[in-house]
């Protein structure tokens, strides 16, 4: 009798363990890094607001371009939504704004995609991750032509 009870307990524990291992879990969100992006913008895929690591070692910041008059002033790409309670969260700070002054002023307040490398030097700003951009462009809300 004890053997049968023990066998039923062992089988029950194994069943629970297997069910727990098979359950799909979502990884915790980490603002510092995201999985590589394989989507093609020309194919109509659109990245969510945030800082995305690309397969070639560059990063892409997606959000709204703003000038923040804090700590001497800086250009930042911000994201988040009021529904999530994180509106205006800094996605990335642009480390080399002097190279893109006219573009940044033109794109201020618009949804943009900036591509570049993570800034690896020392910074006085404590606003978010900094990137040295190589390009910045306005994101269009309309997709390409239907194929």
C-alpha atoms as a PDB file:
ATOM      1  CA  UNK A   1       0.000   0.000   0.000  1.00  0.00           C
ATOM      2  CA  UNK A   2       2.820   2.392   0.867  1.00  0.00           C
ATOM      3  CA  UNK A   3       4.503   1.556  -2.427  1.00  0.00           C
ATOM      4  CA  UNK A   4       1.375   2.444  -4.419  1.00  0.00           C
ATOM      5  CA  UNK A   5       0.959   5.744  -2.574  1.00  0.00           C
ATOM      6  CA  UNK A   6       4.622   6.572  -3.130  1.00  0.00           C
ATOM      7  CA  UNK A   7       4.353   5.672  -6.838  1.00  0.00           C
ATOM      8  CA  UNK A   8       1.253   7.881  -7.266  1.00  0.00           C
ATOM      9  CA  UNK A   9       3.029  10.780  -5.513  1.00  0.00           C
ATOM     10  CA  UNK A  10       6.132  10.426  -7.714  1.00  0.00           C
ATOM     11  CA  UNK A  11       4.022  10.301 -10.886  1.00  0.00           C
ATOM     12  CA  UNK A  12       2.022  13.345  -9.740  1.00  0.00           C
ATOM     13  CA  UNK A  13       5.167  15.353  -8.983  1.00  0.00           C
ATOM     14  CA  UNK A  14       6.693  14.434 -12.356  1.00  0.00           C
ATOM     15  CA  UNK A  15       3.485  15.419 -14.155  1.00  0.00           C
ATOM     16  CA  UNK A  16       3.445  18.799 -12.410  1.00  0.00           C
ATOM     17  CA  UNK A  17       7.131  19.332 -13.220  1.00  0.00           C
ATOM     18  CA  UNK A  18       6.564  18.505 -16.906  1.00  0.00           C
ATOM     19  CA  UNK A  19       3.609  20.863 -17.141  1.00  0.00           C
ATOM     20  CA  UNK A  20       5.646  23.628 -15.505  1.00  0.00           C
ATOM     21  CA  UNK A  21       8.557  23.090 -17.912  1.00  0.00           C
ATOM     22  CA  UNK A  22       6.264  23.108 -20.933  1.00  0.00           C
ATOM     23  CA  UNK A  23       4.514  26.362 -19.965  1.00  0.00           C
ATOM     24  CA  UNK A  24       5.523  29.276 -22.195  1.00  0.00           C
ATOM     25  CA  UNK A  25       6.992  32.191 -20.280  1.00  0.00           C
ATOM     26  CA  UNK A  26       7.731  35.670 -21.611  1.00  0.00           C
ATOM     27  CA  UNK A  27      11.201  37.048 -20.888  1.00  0.00           C
ATOM     28  CA  UNK A  28      11.402  40.119 -18.680  1.00  0.00           C
ATOM     29  CA  UNK A  29      11.655  43.412 -20.546  1.00  0.00           C
ATOM     30  CA  UNK A  30      15.115  44.957 -20.453  1.00  0.00           C
ATOM     31  CA  UNK A  31      15.511  48.502 -21.750  1.00  0.00           C
ATOM     32  CA  UNK A  32      19.236  48.070 -22.159  1.00  0.00           C
ATOM     33  CA  UNK A  33      19.088  45.480 -24.901  1.00  0.00           C
ATOM     34  CA  UNK A  34      16.622  43.888 -27.209  1.00  0.00           C
ATOM     35  CA  UNK A  35      16.829  40.866 -29.463  1.00  0.00           C
ATOM     36  CA  UNK A  36      18.299  41.367 -32.935  1.00  0.00           C
ATOM     37  CA  UNK A  37      15.884  42.770 -35.470  1.00  0.00           C
ATOM     38  CA  UNK A  38      15.461  40.831 -38.670  1.00  0.00           C
ATOM     39  CA  UNK A  39      12.501  42.702 -40.125  1.00  0.00           C
ATOM     40  CA  UNK A  40      12.896  44.754 -43.285  1.00  0.00           C
ATOM     41  CA  UNK A  41      11.457  48.268 -43.115  1.00  0.00           C
ATOM     42  CA  UNK A  42      10.801  48.181 -46.849  1.00  0.00           C
ATOM     43  CA  UNK A  43       8.665  45.092 -46.351  1.00  0.00           C
ATOM     44  CA  UNK A  44       6.324  47.058 -44.117  1.00  0.00           C
ATOM     45  CA  UNK A  45       7.440  45.891 -40.679  1.00  0.00           C
ATOM     46  CA  UNK A  46       7.604  48.623 -38.055  1.00  0.00           C
ATOM     47  CA  UNK A  47       9.612  48.480 -34.863  1.00  0.00           C
ATOM     48  CA  UNK A  48       8.071  49.451 -31.555  1.00  0.00           C
ATOM     49  CA  UNK A  49       9.367  52.518 -29.728  1.00  0.00           C
ATOM     50  CA  UNK A  50      12.618  51.603 -28.031  1.00  0.00           C
ATOM     51  CA  UNK A  51      16.306  50.905 -28.557  1.00  0.00           C
ATOM     52  CA  UNK A  52      16.864  47.844 -30.733  1.00  0.00           C
ATOM     53  CA  UNK A  53      20.137  45.963 -31.254  1.00  0.00           C
ATOM     54  CA  UNK A  54      20.608  45.062 -34.916  1.00  0.00           C
ATOM     55  CA  UNK A  55      22.417  42.009 -36.249  1.00  0.00           C
ATOM     56  CA  UNK A  56      25.307  44.077 -37.664  1.00  0.00           C
ATOM     57  CA  UNK A  57      26.238  45.487 -34.237  1.00  0.00           C
ATOM     58  CA  UNK A  58      24.492  48.816 -34.672  1.00  0.00           C
ATOM     59  CA  UNK A  59      21.446  50.003 -32.771  1.00  0.00           C
ATOM     60  CA  UNK A  60      18.237  51.606 -33.907  1.00  0.00           C
ATOM     61  CA  UNK A  61      16.343  54.041 -31.694  1.00  0.00           C
ATOM     62  CA  UNK A  62      12.663  54.493 -32.516  1.00  0.00           C
ATOM     63  CA  UNK A  63      10.522  57.180 -30.890  1.00  0.00           C
ATOM     64  CA  UNK A  64       9.682  60.873 -30.832  1.00  0.00           C
ATOM     65  CA  UNK A  65      12.553  63.348 -31.169  1.00  0.00           C
ATOM     66  CA  UNK A  66      12.645  65.994 -28.410  1.00  0.00           C
ATOM     67  CA  UNK A  67      15.048  68.620 -27.169  1.00  0.00           C
ATOM     68  CA  UNK A  68      15.328  68.400 -23.388  1.00  0.00           C
ATOM     69  CA  UNK A  69      16.542  71.534 -21.599  1.00  0.00           C
ATOM     70  CA  UNK A  70      18.104  69.621 -18.735  1.00  0.00           C
ATOM     71  CA  UNK A  71      21.757  69.185 -17.739  1.00  0.00           C
ATOM     72  CA  UNK A  72      22.874  71.699 -20.382  1.00  0.00           C
ATOM     73  CA  UNK A  73      20.328  70.519 -22.949  1.00  0.00           C
ATOM     74  CA  UNK A  74      20.342  67.466 -25.204  1.00  0.00           C
ATOM     75  CA  UNK A  75      18.456  65.810 -28.022  1.00  0.00           C
ATOM     76  CA  UNK A  76      16.650  62.636 -27.024  1.00  0.00           C
ATOM     77  CA  UNK A  77      14.439  60.070 -28.649  1.00  0.00           C
ATOM     78  CA  UNK A  78      11.578  59.300 -26.293  1.00  0.00           C
ATOM     79  CA  UNK A  79       8.897  56.655 -26.242  1.00  0.00           C
ATOM     80  CA  UNK A  80       6.253  55.106 -24.059  1.00  0.00           C
ATOM     81  CA  UNK A  81       2.530  55.651 -23.839  1.00  0.00           C
ATOM     82  CA  UNK A  82       0.203  57.255 -21.369  1.00  0.00           C
ATOM     83  CA  UNK A  83      -1.758  53.997 -21.237  1.00  0.00           C
ATOM     84  CA  UNK A  84       1.355  52.184 -19.980  1.00  0.00           C
ATOM     85  CA  UNK A  85       2.252  55.057 -17.657  1.00  0.00           C
ATOM     86  CA  UNK A  86       5.677  55.576 -19.226  1.00  0.00           C
ATOM     87  CA  UNK A  87       5.051  58.411 -21.705  1.00  0.00           C
ATOM     88  CA  UNK A  88       8.158  60.470 -22.371  1.00  0.00           C
ATOM     89  CA  UNK A  89      10.615  57.785 -21.250  1.00  0.00           C
ATOM     90  CA  UNK A  90      14.021  58.386 -22.833  1.00  0.00           C
ATOM     91  CA  UNK A  91      14.847  55.682 -25.372  1.00  0.00           C
ATOM     92  CA  UNK A  92      18.241  57.157 -26.291  1.00  0.00           C
ATOM     93  CA  UNK A  93      20.222  60.378 -26.032  1.00  0.00           C
ATOM     94  CA  UNK A  94      21.980  61.532 -29.190  1.00  0.00           C
ATOM     95  CA  UNK A  95      25.687  61.846 -28.376  1.00  0.00           C
ATOM     96  CA  UNK A  96      26.690  63.701 -31.566  1.00  0.00           C
ATOM     97  CA  UNK A  97      23.941  66.276 -32.239  1.00  0.00           C
ATOM     98  CA  UNK A  98      26.314  68.846 -33.744  1.00  0.00           C
ATOM     99  CA  UNK A  99      26.684  66.654 -36.849  1.00  0.00           C
ATOM    100  CA  UNK A 100      22.907  66.643 -37.461  1.00  0.00           C
ATOM    101  CA  UNK A 101      21.805  70.098 -36.195  1.00  0.00           C
ATOM    102  CA  UNK A 102      19.574  71.088 -39.119  1.00  0.00           C
ATOM    103  CA  UNK A 103      17.976  67.639 -39.374  1.00  0.00           C
ATOM    104  CA  UNK A 104      17.273  67.494 -35.636  1.00  0.00           C
ATOM    105  CA  UNK A 105      15.589  70.900 -35.646  1.00  0.00           C
ATOM    106  CA  UNK A 106      13.456  69.898 -38.640  1.00  0.00           C
ATOM    107  CA  UNK A 107      12.464  66.540 -37.117  1.00  0.00           C
ATOM    108  CA  UNK A 108      11.733  67.858 -33.608  1.00  0.00           C
ATOM    109  CA  UNK A 109       8.411  66.479 -32.332  1.00  0.00           C
ATOM    110  CA  UNK A 110       8.173  63.858 -35.068  1.00  0.00           C
ATOM    111  CA  UNK A 111       8.438  60.070 -34.883  1.00  0.00           C
ATOM    112  CA  UNK A 112      11.935  59.115 -36.015  1.00  0.00           C
ATOM    113  CA  UNK A 113      14.285  56.206 -36.515  1.00  0.00           C
ATOM    114  CA  UNK A 114      17.944  56.864 -35.703  1.00  0.00           C
ATOM    115  CA  UNK A 115      20.657  54.350 -36.510  1.00  0.00           C
ATOM    116  CA  UNK A 116      24.132  54.325 -34.999  1.00  0.00           C
ATOM    117  CA  UNK A 117      26.389  52.769 -32.378  1.00  0.00           C
ATOM    118  CA  UNK A 118      26.129  52.725 -28.608  1.00  0.00           C
ATOM    119  CA  UNK A 119      28.247  55.522 -27.118  1.00  0.00           C
ATOM    120  CA  UNK A 120      31.064  53.965 -25.129  1.00  0.00           C
ATOM    121  CA  UNK A 121      32.722  57.067 -23.688  1.00  0.00           C
ATOM    122  CA  UNK A 122      32.118  58.992 -20.489  1.00  0.00           C
ATOM    123  CA  UNK A 123      29.091  61.253 -20.304  1.00  0.00           C
ATOM    124  CA  UNK A 124      27.832  63.910 -17.913  1.00  0.00           C
ATOM    125  CA  UNK A 125      24.215  63.181 -18.815  1.00  0.00           C
ATOM    126  CA  UNK A 126      22.259  60.663 -16.797  1.00  0.00           C
ATOM    127  CA  UNK A 127      19.202  60.616 -19.009  1.00  0.00           C
ATOM    128  CA  UNK A 128      19.453  57.247 -20.684  1.00  0.00           C
ATOM    129  CA  UNK A 129      21.657  55.255 -23.030  1.00  0.00           C
ATOM    130  CA  UNK A 130      23.574  57.403 -25.494  1.00  0.00           C
ATOM    131  CA  UNK A 131      24.092  56.602 -29.150  1.00  0.00           C
ATOM    132  CA  UNK A 132      26.345  58.116 -31.787  1.00  0.00           C
ATOM    133  CA  UNK A 133      24.016  58.316 -34.753  1.00  0.00           C
ATOM    134  CA  UNK A 134      24.974  57.818 -38.381  1.00  0.00           C
ATOM    135  CA  UNK A 135      21.507  58.559 -39.763  1.00  0.00           C
ATOM    136  CA  UNK A 136      18.134  59.834 -38.637  1.00  0.00           C
ATOM    137  CA  UNK A 137      14.879  59.960 -40.561  1.00  0.00           C
ATOM    138  CA  UNK A 138      11.203  60.531 -40.001  1.00  0.00           C
ATOM    139  CA  UNK A 139       9.090  57.392 -39.799  1.00  0.00           C
ATOM    140  CA  UNK A 140       6.098  57.265 -42.052  1.00  0.00           C
ATOM    141  CA  UNK A 141       2.863  55.870 -40.639  1.00  0.00           C
ATOM    142  CA  UNK A 142       1.897  54.614 -44.046  1.00  0.00           C
ATOM    143  CA  UNK A 143       3.258  51.377 -45.378  1.00  0.00           C
ATOM    144  CA  UNK A 144       4.636  50.790 -48.846  1.00  0.00           C
ATOM    145  CA  UNK A 145       2.658  49.803 -51.912  1.00  0.00           C
ATOM    146  CA  UNK A 146       0.700  46.550 -51.704  1.00  0.00           C
ATOM    147  CA  UNK A 147       2.334  43.681 -53.523  1.00  0.00           C
END
